[in-house]
Amino acid sequence: MFITPAFAQTAGGQASGAGILVQMAPLVLIFVVFYFLLIRPQQKKMKAHKAKIDAVKKGDQVVTGGGLVGKVVRVDDIYADVELAPGMKVKAVKATLTDVIDPMTAKPAND
């Protein structure tokens, strides 16, 4: 009259190779989608930003991590001297520079 749990289970308790593949396919698909939509574009963007910052030279107009805009006076491997105003220079770590402004597209200040 009462069925024990051992008798209620289906036969062949082992999962087949195709069953494991069907279970793993969504996880693999999610990883592939994340890679192509999130990870890969971010890596490309970081590589382009690093190349832009490494190519900073004297005379370029840059934006620092704090939002200060100035002209590069001197550059070495780690630091860049940025002139914010005539006679006012600051030393900034090159890794903290956020952007290099193209002088042709930069708008003049409204002084």
PDB file of N, CA and C in Angstrom:
ATOM      1  N   MET A   1       0.812  -1.183   0.000  1.00  0.00           N
ATOM      2  CA  MET A   1       0.000   0.000   0.000  1.00  0.00           C
ATOM      3  C   MET A   1       0.865   1.260   0.000  1.00  0.00           C
ATOM      4  N   PHE A   2       1.851   1.312   0.838  1.00  0.00           N
ATOM      5  CA  PHE A   2       2.756   2.451   0.833  1.00  0.00           C
ATOM      6  C   PHE A   2       3.976   2.110  -0.012  1.00  0.00           C
ATOM      7  N   ILE A   3       4.430   3.092  -0.822  1.00  0.00           N
ATOM      8  CA  ILE A   3       5.593   2.875  -1.671  1.00  0.00           C
ATOM      9  C   ILE A   3       6.779   3.563  -1.013  1.00  0.00           C
ATOM     10  N   THR A   4       7.846   2.854  -0.880  1.00  0.00           N
ATOM     11  CA  THR A   4       9.034   3.456  -0.278  1.00  0.00           C
ATOM     12  C   THR A   4       9.730   4.336  -1.314  1.00  0.00           C
ATOM     13  N   PRO A   5      10.505   5.331  -0.865  1.00  0.00           N
ATOM     14  CA  PRO A   5      11.195   6.215  -1.810  1.00  0.00           C
ATOM     15  C   PRO A   5      12.120   5.465  -2.761  1.00  0.00           C
ATOM     16  N   ALA A   6      12.682   4.361  -2.340  1.00  0.00           N
ATOM     17  CA  ALA A   6      13.581   3.614  -3.203  1.00  0.00           C
ATOM     18  C   ALA A   6      12.838   3.059  -4.406  1.00  0.00           C
ATOM     19  N   PHE A   7      11.592   2.672  -4.226  1.00  0.00           N
ATOM     20  CA  PHE A   7      10.815   2.139  -5.342  1.00  0.00           C
ATOM     21  C   PHE A   7      10.230   3.244  -6.209  1.00  0.00           C
ATOM     22  N   ALA A   8      10.115   4.462  -5.662  1.00  0.00           N
ATOM     23  CA  ALA A   8       9.509   5.556  -6.411  1.00  0.00           C
ATOM     24  C   ALA A   8      10.489   6.219  -7.368  1.00  0.00           C
ATOM     25  N   GLN A   9      11.767   5.966  -7.211  1.00  0.00           N
ATOM     26  CA  GLN A   9      12.749   6.581  -8.091  1.00  0.00           C
ATOM     27  C   GLN A   9      12.758   5.893  -9.438  1.00  0.00           C
ATOM     28  N   THR A  10      13.185   6.654 -10.437  1.00  0.00           N
ATOM     29  CA  THR A  10      13.263   6.085 -11.778  1.00  0.00           C
ATOM     30  C   THR A  10      14.499   5.216 -11.901  1.00  0.00           C
ATOM     31  N   ALA A  11      14.486   4.345 -12.846  1.00  0.00           N
ATOM     32  CA  ALA A  11      15.620   3.460 -13.060  1.00  0.00           C
ATOM     33  C   ALA A  11      16.739   4.224 -13.771  1.00  0.00           C
ATOM     34  N   GLY A  12      17.980   3.817 -13.575  1.00  0.00           N
ATOM     35  CA  GLY A  12      19.118   4.464 -14.245  1.00  0.00           C
ATOM     36  C   GLY A  12      19.408   5.812 -13.642  1.00  0.00           C
ATOM     37  N   GLY A  13      19.821   5.861 -12.424  1.00  0.00           N
ATOM     38  CA  GLY A  13      20.081   7.110 -11.720  1.00  0.00           C
ATOM     39  C   GLY A  13      21.266   7.885 -12.262  1.00  0.00           C
ATOM     40  N   GLN A  14      22.083   7.321 -13.129  1.00  0.00           N
ATOM     41  CA  GLN A  14      23.231   8.034 -13.658  1.00  0.00           C
ATOM     42  C   GLN A  14      22.808   8.901 -14.836  1.00  0.00           C
ATOM     43  N   ALA A  15      23.389  10.112 -14.917  1.00  0.00           N
ATOM     44  CA  ALA A  15      23.089  11.003 -16.029  1.00  0.00           C
ATOM     45  C   ALA A  15      23.933  10.595 -17.230  1.00  0.00           C
ATOM     46  N   SER A  16      23.341  10.670 -18.382  1.00  0.00           N
ATOM     47  CA  SER A  16      24.081  10.305 -19.588  1.00  0.00           C
ATOM     48  C   SER A  16      24.956  11.480 -20.030  1.00  0.00           C
ATOM     49  N   GLY A  17      25.861  11.240 -20.973  1.00  0.00           N
ATOM     50  CA  GLY A  17      26.739  12.288 -21.482  1.00  0.00           C
ATOM     51  C   GLY A  17      25.961  13.413 -22.147  1.00  0.00           C
ATOM     52  N   ALA A  18      24.898  13.091 -22.847  1.00  0.00           N
ATOM     53  CA  ALA A  18      24.088  14.117 -23.506  1.00  0.00           C
ATOM     54  C   ALA A  18      23.356  14.972 -22.474  1.00  0.00           C
ATOM     55  N   GLY A  19      22.955  14.356 -21.367  1.00  0.00           N
ATOM     56  CA  GLY A  19      22.258  15.107 -20.312  1.00  0.00           C
ATOM     57  C   GLY A  19      23.154  16.152 -19.679  1.00  0.00           C
ATOM     58  N   ILE A  20      24.407  15.810 -19.459  1.00  0.00           N
ATOM     59  CA  ILE A  20      25.352  16.769 -18.885  1.00  0.00           C
ATOM     60  C   ILE A  20      25.614  17.906 -19.869  1.00  0.00           C
ATOM     61  N   LEU A  21      25.714  17.561 -21.151  1.00  0.00           N
ATOM     62  CA  LEU A  21      25.946  18.581 -22.177  1.00  0.00           C
ATOM     63  C   LEU A  21      24.779  19.566 -22.245  1.00  0.00           C
ATOM     64  N   VAL A  22      23.568  19.053 -22.140  1.00  0.00           N
ATOM     65  CA  VAL A  22      22.381  19.915 -22.179  1.00  0.00           C
ATOM     66  C   VAL A  22      22.339  20.814 -20.947  1.00  0.00           C
ATOM     67  N   GLN A  23      22.792  20.318 -19.815  1.00  0.00           N
ATOM     68  CA  GLN A  23      22.795  21.126 -18.594  1.00  0.00           C
ATOM     69  C   GLN A  23      23.896  22.189 -18.625  1.00  0.00           C
ATOM     70  N   MET A  24      25.030  21.893 -19.233  1.00  0.00           N
ATOM     71  CA  MET A  24      26.149  22.827 -19.268  1.00  0.00           C
ATOM     72  C   MET A  24      26.042  23.855 -20.393  1.00  0.00           C
ATOM     73  N   ALA A  25      25.270  23.567 -21.423  1.00  0.00           N
ATOM     74  CA  ALA A  25      25.170  24.459 -22.582  1.00  0.00           C
ATOM     75  C   ALA A  25      24.716  25.881 -22.206  1.00  0.00           C
ATOM     76  N   PRO A  26      23.696  26.058 -21.372  1.00  0.00           N
ATOM     77  CA  PRO A  26      23.304  27.438 -21.023  1.00  0.00           C
ATOM     78  C   PRO A  26      24.408  28.209 -20.291  1.00  0.00           C
ATOM     79  N   LEU A  27      25.154  27.515 -19.420  1.00  0.00           N
ATOM     80  CA  LEU A  27      26.235  28.198 -18.705  1.00  0.00           C
ATOM     81  C   LEU A  27      27.336  28.628 -19.660  1.00  0.00           C
ATOM     82  N   VAL A  28      27.684  27.769 -20.591  1.00  0.00           N
ATOM     83  CA  VAL A  28      28.707  28.110 -21.584  1.00  0.00           C
ATOM     84  C   VAL A  28      28.219  29.255 -22.461  1.00  0.00           C
ATOM     85  N   LEU A  29      26.973  29.207 -22.853  1.00  0.00           N
ATOM     86  CA  LEU A  29      26.393  30.264 -23.687  1.00  0.00           C
ATOM     87  C   LEU A  29      26.402  31.607 -22.954  1.00  0.00           C
ATOM     88  N   ILE A  30      26.069  31.604 -21.689  1.00  0.00           N
ATOM     89  CA  ILE A  30      26.081  32.843 -20.898  1.00  0.00           C
ATOM     90  C   ILE A  30      27.498  33.405 -20.821  1.00  0.00           C
ATOM     91  N   PHE A  31      28.496  32.543 -20.597  1.00  0.00           N
ATOM     92  CA  PHE A  31      29.881  33.008 -20.538  1.00  0.00           C
ATOM     93  C   PHE A  31      30.322  33.602 -21.868  1.00  0.00           C
ATOM     94  N   VAL A  32      29.967  32.967 -22.975  1.00  0.00           N
ATOM     95  CA  VAL A  32      30.344  33.466 -24.299  1.00  0.00           C
ATOM     96  C   VAL A  32      29.706  34.828 -24.552  1.00  0.00           C
ATOM     97  N   VAL A  33      28.444  34.982 -24.186  1.00  0.00           N
ATOM     98  CA  VAL A  33      27.752  36.263 -24.375  1.00  0.00           C
ATOM     99  C   VAL A  33      28.407  37.345 -23.520  1.00  0.00           C
ATOM    100  N   PHE A  34      28.713  37.040 -22.256  1.00  0.00           N
ATOM    101  CA  PHE A  34      29.389  38.014 -21.395  1.00  0.00           C
ATOM    102  C   PHE A  34      30.743  38.395 -21.963  1.00  0.00           C
ATOM    103  N   TYR A  35      31.473  37.438 -22.496  1.00  0.00           N
ATOM    104  CA  TYR A  35      32.789  37.736 -23.032  1.00  0.00           C
ATOM    105  C   TYR A  35      32.699  38.712 -24.201  1.00  0.00           C
ATOM    106  N   PHE A  36      31.809  38.433 -25.145  1.00  0.00           N
ATOM    107  CA  PHE A  36      31.738  39.276 -26.344  1.00  0.00           C
ATOM    108  C   PHE A  36      31.020  40.604 -26.110  1.00  0.00           C
ATOM    109  N   LEU A  37      30.118  40.673 -25.139  1.00  0.00           N
ATOM    110  CA  LEU A  37      29.388  41.924 -24.914  1.00  0.00           C
ATOM    111  C   LEU A  37      29.982  42.793 -23.805  1.00  0.00           C
ATOM    112  N   LEU A  38      30.712  42.204 -22.875  1.00  0.00           N
ATOM    113  CA  LEU A  38      31.228  42.991 -21.754  1.00  0.00           C
ATOM    114  C   LEU A  38      32.748  42.966 -21.632  1.00  0.00           C
ATOM    115  N   ILE A  39      33.332  41.805 -21.576  1.00  0.00           N
ATOM    116  CA  ILE A  39      34.761  41.694 -21.272  1.00  0.00           C
ATOM    117  C   ILE A  39      35.621  42.177 -22.430  1.00  0.00           C
ATOM    118  N   ARG A  40      35.366  41.692 -23.624  1.00  0.00           N
ATOM    119  CA  ARG A  40      36.204  42.040 -24.783  1.00  0.00           C
ATOM    120  C   ARG A  40      36.174  43.532 -25.118  1.00  0.00           C
ATOM    121  N   PRO A  41      34.983  44.174 -25.176  1.00  0.00           N
ATOM    122  CA  PRO A  41      34.989  45.622 -25.456  1.00  0.00           C
ATOM    123  C   PRO A  41      35.705  46.430 -24.375  1.00  0.00           C
ATOM    124  N   GLN A  42      35.587  46.011 -23.116  1.00  0.00           N
ATOM    125  CA  GLN A  42      36.276  46.731 -22.042  1.00  0.00           C
ATOM    126  C   GLN A  42      37.784  46.590 -22.181  1.00  0.00           C
ATOM    127  N   GLN A  43      38.273  45.407 -22.561  1.00  0.00           N
ATOM    128  CA  GLN A  43      39.704  45.220 -22.757  1.00  0.00           C
ATOM    129  C   GLN A  43      40.214  46.072 -23.915  1.00  0.00           C
ATOM    130  N   LYS A  44      39.438  46.161 -24.987  1.00  0.00           N
ATOM    131  CA  LYS A  44      39.833  47.003 -26.124  1.00  0.00           C
ATOM    132  C   LYS A  44      39.901  48.470 -25.713  1.00  0.00           C
ATOM    133  N   LYS A  45      38.910  48.907 -24.944  1.00  0.00           N
ATOM    134  CA  LYS A  45      38.864  50.296 -24.497  1.00  0.00           C
ATOM    135  C   LYS A  45      40.054  50.614 -23.588  1.00  0.00           C
ATOM    136  N   MET A  46      40.385  49.705 -22.683  1.00  0.00           N
ATOM    137  CA  MET A  46      41.523  49.912 -21.782  1.00  0.00           C
ATOM    138  C   MET A  46      42.835  49.947 -22.561  1.00  0.00           C
ATOM    139  N   LYS A  47      42.970  49.096 -23.571  1.00  0.00           N
ATOM    140  CA  LYS A  47      44.196  49.061 -24.365  1.00  0.00           C
ATOM    141  C   LYS A  47      44.357  50.362 -25.150  1.00  0.00           C
ATOM    142  N   ALA A  48      43.255  50.874 -25.716  1.00  0.00           N
ATOM    143  CA  ALA A  48      43.312  52.130 -26.463  1.00  0.00           C
ATOM    144  C   ALA A  48      43.649  53.301 -25.528  1.00  0.00           C
ATOM    145  N   HIS A  49      43.076  53.313 -24.329  1.00  0.00           N
ATOM    146  CA  HIS A  49      43.350  54.381 -23.364  1.00  0.00           C
ATOM    147  C   HIS A  49      44.809  54.349 -22.932  1.00  0.00           C
ATOM    148  N   LYS A  50      45.342  53.170 -22.666  1.00  0.00           N
ATOM    149  CA  LYS A  50      46.746  53.052 -22.261  1.00  0.00           C
ATOM    150  C   LYS A  50      47.672  53.527 -23.378  1.00  0.00           C
ATOM    151  N   ALA A  51      47.354  53.194 -24.611  1.00  0.00           N
ATOM    152  CA  ALA A  51      48.177  53.639 -25.741  1.00  0.00           C
ATOM    153  C   ALA A  51      48.134  55.157 -25.875  1.00  0.00           C
ATOM    154  N   LYS A  52      46.960  55.741 -25.659  1.00  0.00           N
ATOM    155  CA  LYS A  52      46.817  57.194 -25.745  1.00  0.00           C
ATOM    156  C   LYS A  52      47.621  57.889 -24.658  1.00  0.00           C
ATOM    157  N   ILE A  53      47.581  57.374 -23.445  1.00  0.00           N
ATOM    158  CA  ILE A  53      48.307  57.985 -22.330  1.00  0.00           C
ATOM    159  C   ILE A  53      49.818  57.778 -22.496  1.00  0.00           C
ATOM    160  N   ASP A  54      50.229  56.618 -22.981  1.00  0.00           N
ATOM    161  CA  ASP A  54      51.663  56.379 -23.195  1.00  0.00           C
ATOM    162  C   ASP A  54      52.236  57.275 -24.289  1.00  0.00           C
ATOM    163  N   ALA A  55      51.387  57.754 -25.209  1.00  0.00           N
ATOM    164  CA  ALA A  55      51.844  58.588 -26.314  1.00  0.00           C
ATOM    165  C   ALA A  55      51.812  60.084 -25.991  1.00  0.00           C
ATOM    166  N   VAL A  56      51.528  60.439 -24.738  1.00  0.00           N
ATOM    167  CA  VAL A  56      51.496  61.857 -24.358  1.00  0.00           C
ATOM    168  C   VAL A  56      52.887  62.453 -24.551  1.00  0.00           C
ATOM    169  N   LYS A  57      52.902  63.642 -25.152  1.00  0.00           N
ATOM    170  CA  LYS A  57      54.169  64.321 -25.399  1.00  0.00           C
ATOM    171  C   LYS A  57      54.047  65.784 -25.002  1.00  0.00           C
ATOM    172  N   LYS A  58      55.161  66.469 -25.014  1.00  0.00           N
ATOM    173  CA  LYS A  58      55.191  67.889 -24.649  1.00  0.00           C
ATOM    174  C   LYS A  58      54.297  68.670 -25.601  1.00  0.00           C
ATOM    175  N   GLY A  59      53.474  69.544 -25.031  1.00  0.00           N
ATOM    176  CA  GLY A  59      52.584  70.378 -25.829  1.00  0.00           C
ATOM    177  C   GLY A  59      51.163  69.853 -25.917  1.00  0.00           C
ATOM    178  N   ASP A  60      50.912  68.619 -25.519  1.00  0.00           N
ATOM    179  CA  ASP A  60      49.553  68.063 -25.552  1.00  0.00           C
ATOM    180  C   ASP A  60      48.719  68.676 -24.445  1.00  0.00           C
ATOM    181  N   GLN A  61      47.437  68.803 -24.707  1.00  0.00           N
ATOM    182  CA  GLN A  61      46.502  69.269 -23.689  1.00  0.00           C
ATOM    183  C   GLN A  61      45.851  68.034 -23.084  1.00  0.00           C
ATOM    184  N   VAL A  62      45.879  67.926 -21.750  1.00  0.00           N
ATOM    185  CA  VAL A  62      45.397  66.729 -21.074  1.00  0.00           C
ATOM    186  C   VAL A  62      44.382  67.088 -19.998  1.00  0.00           C
ATOM    187  N   VAL A  63      43.606  66.068 -19.619  1.00  0.00           N
ATOM    188  CA  VAL A  63      42.679  66.178 -18.496  1.00  0.00           C
ATOM    189  C   VAL A  63      43.163  65.208 -17.434  1.00  0.00           C
ATOM    190  N   THR A  64      43.318  65.694 -16.200  1.00  0.00           N
ATOM    191  CA  THR A  64      43.776  64.829 -15.108  1.00  0.00           C
ATOM    192  C   THR A  64      42.588  64.104 -14.493  1.00  0.00           C
ATOM    193  N   GLY A  65      42.898  63.162 -13.604  1.00  0.00           N
ATOM    194  CA  GLY A  65      41.851  62.417 -12.919  1.00  0.00           C
ATOM    195  C   GLY A  65      40.972  63.302 -12.056  1.00  0.00           C
ATOM    196  N   GLY A  66      41.483  64.432 -11.601  1.00  0.00           N
ATOM    197  CA  GLY A  66      40.711  65.368 -10.784  1.00  0.00           C
ATOM    198  C   GLY A  66      39.903  66.355 -11.602  1.00  0.00           C
ATOM    199  N   GLY A  67      40.019  66.272 -12.932  1.00  0.00           N
ATOM    200  CA  GLY A  67      39.245  67.160 -13.787  1.00  0.00           C
ATOM    201  C   GLY A  67      39.972  68.422 -14.192  1.00  0.00           C
ATOM    202  N   LEU A  68      41.248  68.537 -13.863  1.00  0.00           N
ATOM    203  CA  LEU A  68      42.017  69.719 -14.239  1.00  0.00           C
ATOM    204  C   LEU A  68      42.501  69.581 -15.679  1.00  0.00           C
ATOM    205  N   VAL A  69      42.413  70.678 -16.413  1.00  0.00           N
ATOM    206  CA  VAL A  69      42.850  70.688 -17.806  1.00  0.00           C
ATOM    207  C   VAL A  69      44.099  71.545 -17.901  1.00  0.00           C
ATOM    208  N   GLY A  70      45.121  71.018 -18.560  1.00  0.00           N
ATOM    209  CA  GLY A  70      46.348  71.766 -18.699  1.00  0.00           C
ATOM    210  C   GLY A  70      47.174  71.279 -19.864  1.00  0.00           C
ATOM    211  N   LYS A  71      48.295  71.964 -20.055  1.00  0.00           N
ATOM    212  CA  LYS A  71      49.201  71.654 -21.159  1.00  0.00           C
ATOM    213  C   LYS A  71      50.429  70.951 -20.605  1.00  0.00           C
ATOM    214  N   VAL A  72      50.851  69.870 -21.258  1.00  0.00           N
ATOM    215  CA  VAL A  72      52.005  69.097 -20.799  1.00  0.00           C
ATOM    216  C   VAL A  72      53.280  69.868 -21.130  1.00  0.00           C
ATOM    217  N   VAL A  73      54.121  70.054 -20.102  1.00  0.00           N
ATOM    218  CA  VAL A  73      55.376  70.767 -20.253  1.00  0.00           C
ATOM    219  C   VAL A  73      56.546  69.786 -20.357  1.00  0.00           C
ATOM    220  N   ARG A  74      56.498  68.722 -19.579  1.00  0.00           N
ATOM    221  CA  ARG A  74      57.578  67.742 -19.551  1.00  0.00           C
ATOM    222  C   ARG A  74      56.987  66.377 -19.247  1.00  0.00           C
ATOM    223  N   VAL A  75      57.552  65.336 -19.865  1.00  0.00           N
ATOM    224  CA  VAL A  75      57.060  63.980 -19.664  1.00  0.00           C
ATOM    225  C   VAL A  75      58.237  63.045 -19.429  1.00  0.00           C
ATOM    226  N   ASP A  76      58.088  62.142 -18.460  1.00  0.00           N
ATOM    227  CA  ASP A  76      59.038  61.042 -18.320  1.00  0.00           C
ATOM    228  C   ASP A  76      58.236  59.746 -18.216  1.00  0.00           C
ATOM    229  N   ASP A  77      58.856  58.671 -17.782  1.00  0.00           N
ATOM    230  CA  ASP A  77      58.180  57.374 -17.785  1.00  0.00           C
ATOM    231  C   ASP A  77      56.979  57.319 -16.850  1.00  0.00           C
ATOM    232  N   ILE A  78      57.072  57.955 -15.707  1.00  0.00           N
ATOM    233  CA  ILE A  78      56.018  57.848 -14.697  1.00  0.00           C
ATOM    234  C   ILE A  78      55.213  59.135 -14.560  1.00  0.00           C
ATOM    235  N   TYR A  79      55.876  60.279 -14.628  1.00  0.00           N
ATOM    236  CA  TYR A  79      55.238  61.562 -14.344  1.00  0.00           C
ATOM    237  C   TYR A  79      55.112  62.429 -15.589  1.00  0.00           C
ATOM    238  N   ALA A  80      54.167  63.377 -15.503  1.00  0.00           N
ATOM    239  CA  ALA A  80      54.016  64.416 -16.520  1.00  0.00           C
ATOM    240  C   ALA A  80      53.832  65.738 -15.787  1.00  0.00           C
ATOM    241  N   ASP A  81      54.618  66.734 -16.148  1.00  0.00           N
ATOM    242  CA  ASP A  81      54.442  68.078 -15.596  1.00  0.00           C
ATOM    243  C   ASP A  81      53.398  68.790 -16.442  1.00  0.00           C
ATOM    244  N   VAL A  82      52.330  69.232 -15.781  1.00  0.00           N
ATOM    245  CA  VAL A  82      51.205  69.858 -16.478  1.00  0.00           C
ATOM    246  C   VAL A  82      51.117  71.312 -16.043  1.00  0.00           C
ATOM    247  N   GLU A  83      51.062  72.213 -17.012  1.00  0.00           N
ATOM    248  CA  GLU A  83      50.922  73.640 -16.730  1.00  0.00           C
ATOM    249  C   GLU A  83      49.440  73.983 -16.791  1.00  0.00           C
ATOM    250  N   LEU A  84      48.884  74.348 -15.627  1.00  0.00           N
ATOM    251  CA  LEU A  84      47.461  74.666 -15.531  1.00  0.00           C
ATOM    252  C   LEU A  84      47.182  76.119 -15.879  1.00  0.00           C
ATOM    253  N   ALA A  85      48.101  76.983 -15.527  1.00  0.00           N
ATOM    254  CA  ALA A  85      48.005  78.413 -15.824  1.00  0.00           C
ATOM    255  C   ALA A  85      49.435  78.891 -16.052  1.00  0.00           C
ATOM    256  N   PRO A  86      49.611  80.067 -16.649  1.00  0.00           N
ATOM    257  CA  PRO A  86      50.982  80.558 -16.861  1.00  0.00           C
ATOM    258  C   PRO A  86      51.753  80.622 -15.540  1.00  0.00           C
ATOM    259  N   GLY A  87      52.846  79.883 -15.468  1.00  0.00           N
ATOM    260  CA  GLY A  87      53.676  79.872 -14.267  1.00  0.00           C
ATOM    261  C   GLY A  87      53.211  78.910 -13.191  1.00  0.00           C
ATOM    262  N   MET A  88      52.119  78.191 -13.390  1.00  0.00           N
ATOM    263  CA  MET A  88      51.609  77.252 -12.386  1.00  0.00           C
ATOM    264  C   MET A  88      51.684  75.833 -12.937  1.00  0.00           C
ATOM    265  N   LYS A  89      52.664  75.086 -12.458  1.00  0.00           N
ATOM    266  CA  LYS A  89      52.876  73.722 -12.932  1.00  0.00           C
ATOM    267  C   LYS A  89      52.592  72.731 -11.818  1.00  0.00           C
ATOM    268  N   VAL A  90      52.034  71.586 -12.177  1.00  0.00           N
ATOM    269  CA  VAL A  90      51.816  70.495 -11.239  1.00  0.00           C
ATOM    270  C   VAL A  90      52.417  69.233 -11.844  1.00  0.00           C
ATOM    271  N   LYS A  91      52.827  68.331 -10.971  1.00  0.00           N
ATOM    272  CA  LYS A  91      53.358  67.048 -11.424  1.00  0.00           C
ATOM    273  C   LYS A  91      52.252  66.016 -11.249  1.00  0.00           C
ATOM    274  N   ALA A  92      51.897  65.345 -12.323  1.00  0.00           N
ATOM    275  CA  ALA A  92      50.836  64.344 -12.280  1.00  0.00           C
ATOM    276  C   ALA A  92      51.395  62.992 -12.697  1.00  0.00           C
ATOM    277  N   VAL A  93      50.904  61.949 -12.087  1.00  0.00           N
ATOM    278  CA  VAL A  93      51.266  60.595 -12.487  1.00  0.00           C
ATOM    279  C   VAL A  93      50.562  60.320 -13.814  1.00  0.00           C
ATOM    280  N   LYS A  94      51.308  59.818 -14.787  1.00  0.00           N
ATOM    281  CA  LYS A  94      50.731  59.599 -16.120  1.00  0.00           C
ATOM    282  C   LYS A  94      49.527  58.666 -16.085  1.00  0.00           C
ATOM    283  N   ALA A  95      49.526  57.708 -15.165  1.00  0.00           N
ATOM    284  CA  ALA A  95      48.415  56.757 -15.087  1.00  0.00           C
ATOM    285  C   ALA A  95      47.112  57.420 -14.658  1.00  0.00           C
ATOM    286  N   THR A  96      47.199  58.616 -14.035  1.00  0.00           N
ATOM    287  CA  THR A  96      45.986  59.293 -13.594  1.00  0.00           C
ATOM    288  C   THR A  96      45.427  60.246 -14.642  1.00  0.00           C
ATOM    289  N   LEU A  97      46.110  60.386 -15.769  1.00  0.00           N
ATOM    290  CA  LEU A  97      45.564  61.215 -16.841  1.00  0.00           C
ATOM    291  C   LEU A  97      44.387  60.476 -17.464  1.00  0.00           C
ATOM    292  N   THR A  98      43.283  61.182 -17.647  1.00  0.00           N
ATOM    293  CA  THR A  98      42.091  60.514 -18.155  1.00  0.00           C
ATOM    294  C   THR A  98      41.885  60.721 -19.642  1.00  0.00           C
ATOM    295  N   ASP A  99      42.393  61.826 -20.191  1.00  0.00           N
ATOM    296  CA  ASP A  99      42.150  62.076 -21.607  1.00  0.00           C
ATOM    297  C   ASP A  99      43.222  63.000 -22.162  1.00  0.00           C
ATOM    298  N   VAL A 100      43.456  62.852 -23.444  1.00  0.00           N
ATOM    299  CA  VAL A 100      44.330  63.757 -24.190  1.00  0.00           C
ATOM    300  C   VAL A 100      43.433  64.475 -25.179  1.00  0.00           C
ATOM    301  N   ILE A 101      43.385  65.794 -25.082  1.00  0.00           N
ATOM    302  CA  ILE A 101      42.476  66.583 -25.913  1.00  0.00           C
ATOM    303  C   ILE A 101      43.175  66.975 -27.204  1.00  0.00           C
ATOM    304  N   ASP A 102      42.497  66.750 -28.308  1.00  0.00           N
ATOM    305  CA  ASP A 102      43.031  67.139 -29.610  1.00  0.00           C
ATOM    306  C   ASP A 102      42.905  68.654 -29.743  1.00  0.00           C
ATOM    307  N   PRO A 103      43.995  69.372 -30.014  1.00  0.00           N
ATOM    308  CA  PRO A 103      43.925  70.836 -30.071  1.00  0.00           C
ATOM    309  C   PRO A 103      43.050  71.347 -31.220  1.00  0.00           C
ATOM    310  N   MET A 104      42.855  70.559 -32.248  1.00  0.00           N
ATOM    311  CA  MET A 104      42.021  71.003 -33.377  1.00  0.00           C
ATOM    312  C   MET A 104      40.540  70.976 -33.012  1.00  0.00           C
ATOM    313  N   THR A 105      40.117  70.045 -32.178  1.00  0.00           N
ATOM    314  CA  THR A 105      38.698  69.942 -31.822  1.00  0.00           C
ATOM    315  C   THR A 105      38.367  70.617 -30.503  1.00  0.00           C
ATOM    316  N   ALA A 106      39.372  71.051 -29.730  1.00  0.00           N
ATOM    317  CA  ALA A 106      39.131  71.680 -28.442  1.00  0.00           C
ATOM    318  C   ALA A 106      38.515  73.052 -28.632  1.00  0.00           C
ATOM    319  N   LYS A 107      37.522  73.349 -27.804  1.00  0.00           N
ATOM    320  CA  LYS A 107      36.887  74.659 -27.844  1.00  0.00           C
ATOM    321  C   LYS A 107      37.686  75.634 -26.989  1.00  0.00           C
ATOM    322  N   PRO A 108      37.846  76.869 -27.407  1.00  0.00           N
ATOM    323  CA  PRO A 108      38.566  77.843 -26.565  1.00  0.00           C
ATOM    324  C   PRO A 108      37.743  78.211 -25.340  1.00  0.00           C
ATOM    325  N   ALA A 109      38.446  78.591 -24.284  1.00  0.00           N
ATOM    326  CA  ALA A 109      37.760  79.007 -23.059  1.00  0.00           C
ATOM    327  C   ALA A 109      37.110  80.372 -23.252  1.00  0.00           C
ATOM    328  N   ASN A 110      36.008  80.578 -22.575  1.00  0.00           N
ATOM    329  CA  ASN A 110      35.300  81.862 -22.637  1.00  0.00           C
ATOM    330  C   ASN A 110      35.852  82.780 -21.561  1.00  0.00           C
ATOM    331  N   ASP A 111      36.987  83.404 -21.829  1.00  0.00           N
ATOM    332  CA  ASP A 111      37.605  84.291 -20.835  1.00  0.00           C
ATOM    333  C   ASP A 111      37.028  85.666 -20.934  1.00  0.00           C
TER     334      ASP A 111
END
